[in-house]
Amino acid sequence: MTDSRLERIIGQLADFDENELNFIVEKICLERQKKRKAKIGTLIENFKRAWKDLSDAGVDICYCEVIDESYPLEINNFEFDY
């Protein structure tokens, strides 16, 4: 976005009252949230595909808490909370 376009938008915001500005902020926040969820959803699907591809290629994916012990991981045991 160019500086002049941004300045024009900010100048227009000066004409809005408090309720209108709050409404605009809410809409912006909702749009940002939708975009974030969509991006995260895509990343999770990419992660699951990569996991499957690695498993199909014979790679064991393990969690190592202590160097001498490893615990096999299972993709179905993961939850993605966002």
N, C-alpha and C. Protein backbone atom coordinates (compact mmCIF):
# COMPACT_ATOMS: atom_id res chain seq x y z
N MET A 1 0.86 -1.16 0.00
CA MET A 1 0.00 0.00 0.00
C MET A 1 0.91 1.23 0.00
N THR A 2 0.59 2.16 -0.84
CA THR A 2 1.41 3.37 -0.93
C THR A 2 1.11 4.30 0.24
N ASP A 3 2.06 5.16 0.53
CA ASP A 3 1.88 6.11 1.62
C ASP A 3 0.70 7.04 1.38
N SER A 4 0.54 7.48 0.13
CA SER A 4 -0.57 8.40 -0.15
C SER A 4 -1.92 7.72 0.02
N ARG A 5 -2.01 6.46 -0.38
CA ARG A 5 -3.26 5.72 -0.20
C ARG A 5 -3.57 5.54 1.29
N LEU A 6 -2.56 5.20 2.05
CA LEU A 6 -2.73 5.02 3.48
C LEU A 6 -3.14 6.34 4.15
N GLU A 7 -2.50 7.43 3.76
CA GLU A 7 -2.86 8.74 4.31
C GLU A 7 -4.30 9.11 3.97
N ARG A 8 -4.73 8.78 2.75
CA ARG A 8 -6.11 9.06 2.34
C ARG A 8 -7.11 8.29 3.20
N ILE A 9 -6.81 7.02 3.44
CA ILE A 9 -7.69 6.18 4.26
C ILE A 9 -7.74 6.72 5.69
N ILE A 10 -6.59 7.07 6.23
CA ILE A 10 -6.55 7.62 7.59
C ILE A 10 -7.32 8.93 7.66
N GLY A 11 -7.19 9.74 6.64
CA GLY A 11 -7.93 11.00 6.60
C GLY A 11 -9.43 10.77 6.59
N GLN A 12 -9.89 9.75 5.88
CA GLN A 12 -11.31 9.43 5.86
C GLN A 12 -11.80 8.93 7.21
N LEU A 13 -10.94 8.24 7.93
CA LEU A 13 -11.32 7.73 9.25
C LEU A 13 -11.62 8.86 10.23
N ALA A 14 -11.03 9.99 10.02
CA ALA A 14 -11.24 11.13 10.92
C ALA A 14 -12.70 11.58 10.92
N ASP A 15 -13.44 11.27 9.86
CA ASP A 15 -14.84 11.67 9.75
C ASP A 15 -15.79 10.74 10.48
N PHE A 16 -15.31 9.58 10.90
CA PHE A 16 -16.18 8.60 11.54
C PHE A 16 -16.31 8.89 13.03
N ASP A 17 -17.49 8.52 13.59
CA ASP A 17 -17.65 8.66 15.04
C ASP A 17 -17.09 7.41 15.73
N GLU A 18 -17.12 7.42 17.05
CA GLU A 18 -16.54 6.34 17.85
C GLU A 18 -17.15 4.98 17.53
N ASN A 19 -18.47 4.91 17.40
CA ASN A 19 -19.14 3.64 17.10
C ASN A 19 -18.74 3.11 15.74
N GLU A 20 -18.65 3.98 14.77
CA GLU A 20 -18.25 3.55 13.42
C GLU A 20 -16.80 3.05 13.43
N LEU A 21 -15.94 3.73 14.15
CA LEU A 21 -14.55 3.28 14.24
C LEU A 21 -14.45 1.93 14.93
N ASN A 22 -15.22 1.75 16.00
CA ASN A 22 -15.22 0.45 16.69
C ASN A 22 -15.70 -0.66 15.76
N PHE A 23 -16.71 -0.38 14.96
CA PHE A 23 -17.22 -1.36 14.00
C PHE A 23 -16.14 -1.72 12.98
N ILE A 24 -15.43 -0.73 12.49
CA ILE A 24 -14.36 -0.97 11.52
C ILE A 24 -13.26 -1.82 12.14
N VAL A 25 -12.88 -1.50 13.37
CA VAL A 25 -11.84 -2.27 14.06
C VAL A 25 -12.28 -3.72 14.24
N GLU A 26 -13.53 -3.94 14.62
CA GLU A 26 -14.05 -5.31 14.77
C GLU A 26 -13.97 -6.08 13.46
N LYS A 27 -14.37 -5.43 12.37
CA LYS A 27 -14.33 -6.08 11.05
C LYS A 27 -12.91 -6.43 10.64
N ILE A 28 -11.98 -5.52 10.93
CA ILE A 28 -10.58 -5.78 10.61
C ILE A 28 -10.07 -6.96 11.42
N CYS A 29 -10.39 -7.00 12.70
CA CYS A 29 -9.95 -8.10 13.56
C CYS A 29 -10.53 -9.44 13.09
N LEU A 30 -11.79 -9.45 12.71
CA LEU A 30 -12.41 -10.69 12.21
C LEU A 30 -11.74 -11.15 10.92
N GLU A 31 -11.44 -10.22 10.04
CA GLU A 31 -10.79 -10.58 8.77
C GLU A 31 -9.39 -11.13 9.02
N ARG A 32 -8.65 -10.51 9.93
CA ARG A 32 -7.32 -10.99 10.27
C ARG A 32 -7.39 -12.40 10.87
N GLN A 33 -8.39 -12.63 11.71
CA GLN A 33 -8.58 -13.94 12.34
C GLN A 33 -8.89 -15.00 11.29
N LYS A 34 -9.76 -14.68 10.32
CA LYS A 34 -10.09 -15.63 9.25
C LYS A 34 -8.85 -15.98 8.44
N LYS A 35 -8.06 -14.97 8.10
CA LYS A 35 -6.85 -15.21 7.31
C LYS A 35 -5.85 -16.05 8.09
N ARG A 36 -5.72 -15.78 9.39
CA ARG A 36 -4.80 -16.54 10.23
C ARG A 36 -5.23 -18.00 10.31
N LYS A 37 -6.54 -18.25 10.54
CA LYS A 37 -7.04 -19.62 10.62
C LYS A 37 -6.83 -20.36 9.30
N ALA A 38 -7.06 -19.69 8.19
CA ALA A 38 -6.87 -20.32 6.88
C ALA A 38 -5.40 -20.69 6.69
N LYS A 39 -4.51 -19.78 7.06
CA LYS A 39 -3.07 -20.05 6.91
C LYS A 39 -2.65 -21.21 7.79
N ILE A 40 -3.12 -21.21 9.04
CA ILE A 40 -2.77 -22.30 9.96
C ILE A 40 -3.33 -23.63 9.47
N GLY A 41 -4.56 -23.61 8.96
CA GLY A 41 -5.16 -24.82 8.41
C GLY A 41 -4.32 -25.40 7.28
N THR A 42 -3.84 -24.54 6.41
CA THR A 42 -2.98 -24.97 5.31
C THR A 42 -1.67 -25.56 5.84
N LEU A 43 -1.08 -24.89 6.83
CA LEU A 43 0.17 -25.39 7.41
C LEU A 43 -0.02 -26.75 8.07
N ILE A 44 -1.13 -26.94 8.75
CA ILE A 44 -1.41 -28.23 9.39
C ILE A 44 -1.56 -29.32 8.33
N GLU A 45 -2.28 -29.04 7.27
CA GLU A 45 -2.42 -30.03 6.20
C GLU A 45 -1.07 -30.35 5.57
N ASN A 46 -0.24 -29.34 5.36
CA ASN A 46 1.11 -29.58 4.82
C ASN A 46 1.93 -30.45 5.77
N PHE A 47 1.80 -30.19 7.07
CA PHE A 47 2.50 -30.97 8.08
C PHE A 47 2.05 -32.43 8.02
N LYS A 48 0.75 -32.66 7.94
CA LYS A 48 0.22 -34.02 7.88
C LYS A 48 0.69 -34.74 6.62
N ARG A 49 0.71 -34.04 5.48
CA ARG A 49 1.19 -34.65 4.24
C ARG A 49 2.67 -34.99 4.34
N ALA A 50 3.46 -34.07 4.92
CA ALA A 50 4.89 -34.32 5.08
C ALA A 50 5.12 -35.52 6.00
N TRP A 51 4.33 -35.59 7.08
CA TRP A 51 4.44 -36.72 8.00
C TRP A 51 4.17 -38.03 7.27
N LYS A 52 3.09 -38.06 6.49
CA LYS A 52 2.74 -39.27 5.74
C LYS A 52 3.84 -39.63 4.74
N ASP A 53 4.34 -38.62 4.04
CA ASP A 53 5.40 -38.87 3.06
C ASP A 53 6.66 -39.43 3.74
N LEU A 54 7.01 -38.87 4.90
CA LEU A 54 8.17 -39.38 5.63
C LEU A 54 7.93 -40.81 6.11
N SER A 55 6.75 -41.07 6.63
CA SER A 55 6.42 -42.43 7.09
C SER A 55 6.44 -43.40 5.93
N ASP A 56 5.87 -43.02 4.79
CA ASP A 56 5.87 -43.88 3.61
C ASP A 56 7.28 -44.15 3.11
N ALA A 57 8.20 -43.21 3.37
CA ALA A 57 9.59 -43.38 2.95
C ALA A 57 10.41 -44.18 3.96
N GLY A 58 9.74 -44.63 5.02
CA GLY A 58 10.43 -45.46 6.00
C GLY A 58 11.09 -44.69 7.14
N VAL A 59 10.72 -43.44 7.30
CA VAL A 59 11.30 -42.64 8.38
C VAL A 59 10.44 -42.79 9.63
N ASP A 60 11.08 -43.17 10.74
CA ASP A 60 10.40 -43.24 12.03
C ASP A 60 10.56 -41.89 12.71
N ILE A 61 9.47 -41.28 13.08
CA ILE A 61 9.50 -39.99 13.73
C ILE A 61 9.32 -40.22 15.22
N CYS A 62 10.31 -39.82 16.01
CA CYS A 62 10.30 -40.10 17.44
C CYS A 62 10.51 -38.83 18.25
N TYR A 63 10.03 -38.89 19.46
CA TYR A 63 10.23 -37.81 20.43
C TYR A 63 11.29 -38.28 21.41
N CYS A 64 12.33 -37.52 21.56
CA CYS A 64 13.41 -37.91 22.46
C CYS A 64 13.50 -36.90 23.59
N GLU A 65 13.14 -37.34 24.79
CA GLU A 65 13.25 -36.48 25.95
C GLU A 65 14.62 -36.68 26.60
N VAL A 66 15.04 -37.90 26.63
CA VAL A 66 16.37 -38.25 27.13
C VAL A 66 17.10 -38.90 25.97
N ILE A 67 18.36 -38.66 25.85
CA ILE A 67 19.10 -39.13 24.68
C ILE A 67 18.97 -40.64 24.49
N ASP A 68 18.92 -41.41 25.59
CA ASP A 68 18.88 -42.86 25.48
C ASP A 68 17.48 -43.41 25.21
N GLU A 69 16.45 -42.60 25.36
CA GLU A 69 15.09 -43.10 25.19
C GLU A 69 14.39 -42.32 24.08
N SER A 70 13.68 -43.05 23.24
CA SER A 70 12.87 -42.38 22.22
C SER A 70 11.49 -43.02 22.20
N TYR A 71 10.52 -42.21 21.89
CA TYR A 71 9.13 -42.65 21.88
C TYR A 71 8.55 -42.39 20.51
N PRO A 72 8.05 -43.43 19.83
CA PRO A 72 7.48 -43.21 18.51
C PRO A 72 6.25 -42.31 18.58
N LEU A 73 6.14 -41.44 17.64
CA LEU A 73 5.00 -40.53 17.57
C LEU A 73 4.01 -41.04 16.54
N GLU A 74 2.76 -40.70 16.74
CA GLU A 74 1.68 -41.07 15.83
C GLU A 74 0.92 -39.79 15.48
N ILE A 75 0.75 -39.53 14.20
CA ILE A 75 0.09 -38.29 13.76
C ILE A 75 -1.31 -38.14 14.34
N ASN A 76 -1.99 -39.24 14.56
CA ASN A 76 -3.36 -39.17 15.09
C ASN A 76 -3.41 -38.78 16.56
N ASN A 77 -2.24 -38.79 17.22
CA ASN A 77 -2.20 -38.39 18.63
C ASN A 77 -2.00 -36.90 18.79
N PHE A 78 -1.86 -36.19 17.68
CA PHE A 78 -1.66 -34.74 17.74
C PHE A 78 -2.99 -34.01 17.64
N GLU A 79 -3.09 -32.94 18.38
CA GLU A 79 -4.21 -32.04 18.24
C GLU A 79 -3.66 -30.67 17.90
N PHE A 80 -4.35 -29.97 17.06
CA PHE A 80 -3.92 -28.65 16.67
C PHE A 80 -4.95 -27.65 17.17
N ASP A 81 -4.55 -26.88 18.15
CA ASP A 81 -5.44 -25.93 18.79
C ASP A 81 -5.05 -24.54 18.36
N TYR A 82 -5.97 -23.85 17.69
CA TYR A 82 -5.68 -22.46 17.25
C TYR A 82 -6.92 -21.65 17.21
